[in-house]
Amino acid sequence: MNIKRAFEKDKNIGFVTPATTTNCIIWQWCDFTLCSINNMLMWWMSIERHLLIFHSHLFDTSKRRWLLHYIPLLALGIYIAGFYAMVIFLYPCEPQPDYFSVLCGLPCFSLESYWRGLP
């Protein structure tokens, strides 16, 4: 048996381990937060690329670089992490994790009709 095969054997066992609600909630928060931050970074990089190509003078000083590069990235990252922390950890519902599905099913906030109506 080759080494790759030995590691693949237990990789997809079909259920979440450890099967706890806390593990599922943390997994959901990490997944939703990291995917949203990834989308936000792509969005911000496209805007920043436009600014660097057509308005490069905006990044001449250190103060402007902080204002137009670092602060928006930090602010958006903190906002996204905070938003998902509130709607996943603090949402008033009793989670019903399904330990045999990806992300243990969907978080409570996404199952409410109010959130499904948002664009």
Protein backbone atom coordinates (compact mmCIF):
# COMPACT_ATOMS: atom_id res chain seq x y z
CA MET A 1 0.00 0.00 0.00
CA ASN A 2 1.46 3.35 -0.98
CA ILE A 3 1.60 6.24 1.47
CA LYS A 4 -0.94 8.39 -0.38
CA ARG A 5 -3.49 5.62 -0.20
CA ALA A 6 -2.94 5.17 3.53
CA PHE A 7 -3.80 8.80 4.22
CA GLU A 8 -6.81 8.84 1.87
CA LYS A 9 -8.33 5.87 3.60
CA ASP A 10 -9.70 7.83 6.58
CA LYS A 11 -10.12 11.18 4.85
CA ASN A 12 -13.79 10.85 3.81
CA ILE A 13 -15.48 8.93 6.57
CA GLY A 14 -18.92 10.40 5.90
CA PHE A 15 -19.61 12.23 9.16
CA VAL A 16 -18.28 15.11 11.23
CA THR A 17 -15.73 14.33 13.91
CA PRO A 18 -16.02 15.26 16.71
CA ALA A 19 -19.80 15.29 16.40
CA THR A 20 -20.57 18.28 18.61
CA THR A 21 -22.74 21.34 18.08
CA THR A 22 -19.81 23.61 18.96
CA ASN A 23 -17.64 22.02 16.29
CA CYS A 24 -20.38 22.49 13.68
CA ILE A 25 -21.01 26.13 14.61
CA ILE A 26 -17.29 26.98 14.46
CA TRP A 27 -16.98 25.16 11.12
CA GLN A 28 -19.94 27.12 9.72
CA TRP A 29 -18.50 30.43 10.95
CA CYS A 30 -15.08 29.71 9.45
CA ASP A 31 -16.56 28.63 6.12
CA PHE A 32 -18.98 31.54 5.73
CA THR A 33 -16.43 34.10 6.95
CA LEU A 34 -13.52 32.90 4.82
CA CYS A 35 -15.64 32.57 1.66
CA SER A 36 -17.06 36.06 2.13
CA ILE A 37 -13.63 37.54 2.85
CA ASN A 38 -12.32 35.83 -0.29
CA ASN A 39 -15.10 37.45 -2.36
CA MET A 40 -14.49 40.80 -0.70
CA LEU A 41 -10.76 40.60 -1.44
CA MET A 42 -11.41 39.90 -5.12
CA TRP A 43 -13.83 42.84 -5.26
CA TRP A 44 -11.42 45.19 -3.49
CA MET A 45 -8.42 44.06 -5.58
CA SER A 46 -10.27 44.86 -8.80
CA ILE A 47 -11.11 48.35 -7.53
CA GLU A 48 -7.58 48.87 -6.25
CA ARG A 49 -6.10 47.71 -9.55
CA HIS A 50 -8.16 50.33 -11.35
CA LEU A 51 -6.95 52.97 -8.90
CA LEU A 52 -3.32 51.90 -9.28
CA ILE A 53 -3.48 51.98 -13.08
CA PHE A 54 -5.50 55.13 -13.67
CA HIS A 55 -4.99 57.08 -10.43
CA SER A 56 -1.57 55.99 -9.15
CA HIS A 57 -0.97 59.41 -7.60
CA LEU A 58 -3.48 58.49 -4.88
CA PHE A 59 -0.95 56.07 -3.34
CA ASP A 60 2.02 58.47 -3.29
CA THR A 61 2.18 59.12 0.44
CA SER A 62 2.17 56.72 3.34
CA LYS A 63 -0.96 58.33 4.79
CA ARG A 64 -2.91 57.85 1.56
CA ARG A 65 -1.69 54.26 1.28
CA TRP A 66 -3.06 53.56 4.76
CA LEU A 67 -6.33 55.32 3.93
CA LEU A 68 -6.92 53.65 0.56
CA HIS A 69 -5.28 50.25 1.01
CA TYR A 70 -4.86 49.00 4.57
CA ILE A 71 -7.80 50.55 6.40
CA PRO A 72 -10.49 49.40 3.91
CA LEU A 73 -9.11 45.84 3.95
CA LEU A 74 -9.04 45.72 7.74
CA ALA A 75 -12.46 47.35 8.10
CA LEU A 76 -14.17 45.03 5.62
CA GLY A 77 -12.50 41.94 7.10
CA ILE A 78 -13.51 42.89 10.64
CA TYR A 79 -17.05 43.73 9.50
CA ILE A 80 -17.52 40.39 7.73
CA ALA A 81 -16.09 38.37 10.64
CA GLY A 82 -18.26 40.31 13.09
CA PHE A 83 -21.40 39.96 10.99
CA TYR A 84 -21.08 36.18 10.73
CA ALA A 85 -20.14 35.93 14.42
CA MET A 86 -23.40 37.67 15.29
CA VAL A 87 -25.67 35.72 12.93
CA ILE A 88 -24.09 32.32 13.60
CA PHE A 89 -23.06 32.44 17.28
CA LEU A 90 -25.65 34.86 18.68
CA TYR A 91 -28.72 34.17 16.52
CA PRO A 92 -31.62 33.19 18.81
CA CYS A 93 -32.39 29.65 17.71
CA GLU A 94 -31.57 26.10 18.68
CA PRO A 95 -29.20 24.60 16.08
CA GLN A 96 -30.13 21.19 14.72
CA PRO A 97 -26.84 19.90 13.29
CA ASP A 98 -26.84 17.09 10.75
CA TYR A 99 -23.52 15.36 11.33
CA PHE A 100 -23.71 13.53 8.01
CA SER A 101 -23.86 16.60 5.73
CA VAL A 102 -21.37 19.27 4.76
CA LEU A 103 -21.14 22.08 7.34
CA CYS A 104 -23.54 20.02 9.51
CA GLY A 105 -26.35 21.52 7.45
CA LEU A 106 -27.06 25.23 7.18
CA PRO A 107 -26.81 27.67 10.07
CA CYS A 108 -30.07 28.80 11.70
CA PHE A 109 -30.05 32.31 10.23
CA SER A 110 -30.09 31.02 6.65
CA LEU A 111 -33.18 28.93 7.31
CA GLU A 112 -35.29 31.92 8.41
CA SER A 113 -37.54 33.46 5.75
CA TYR A 114 -36.28 37.01 6.51
CA TRP A 115 -32.72 36.18 5.41
CA ARG A 116 -33.81 34.25 2.31
CA GLY A 117 -35.56 37.35 0.96
CA LEU A 118 -32.43 39.49 1.01
CA PRO A 119 -30.46 39.88 -2.25
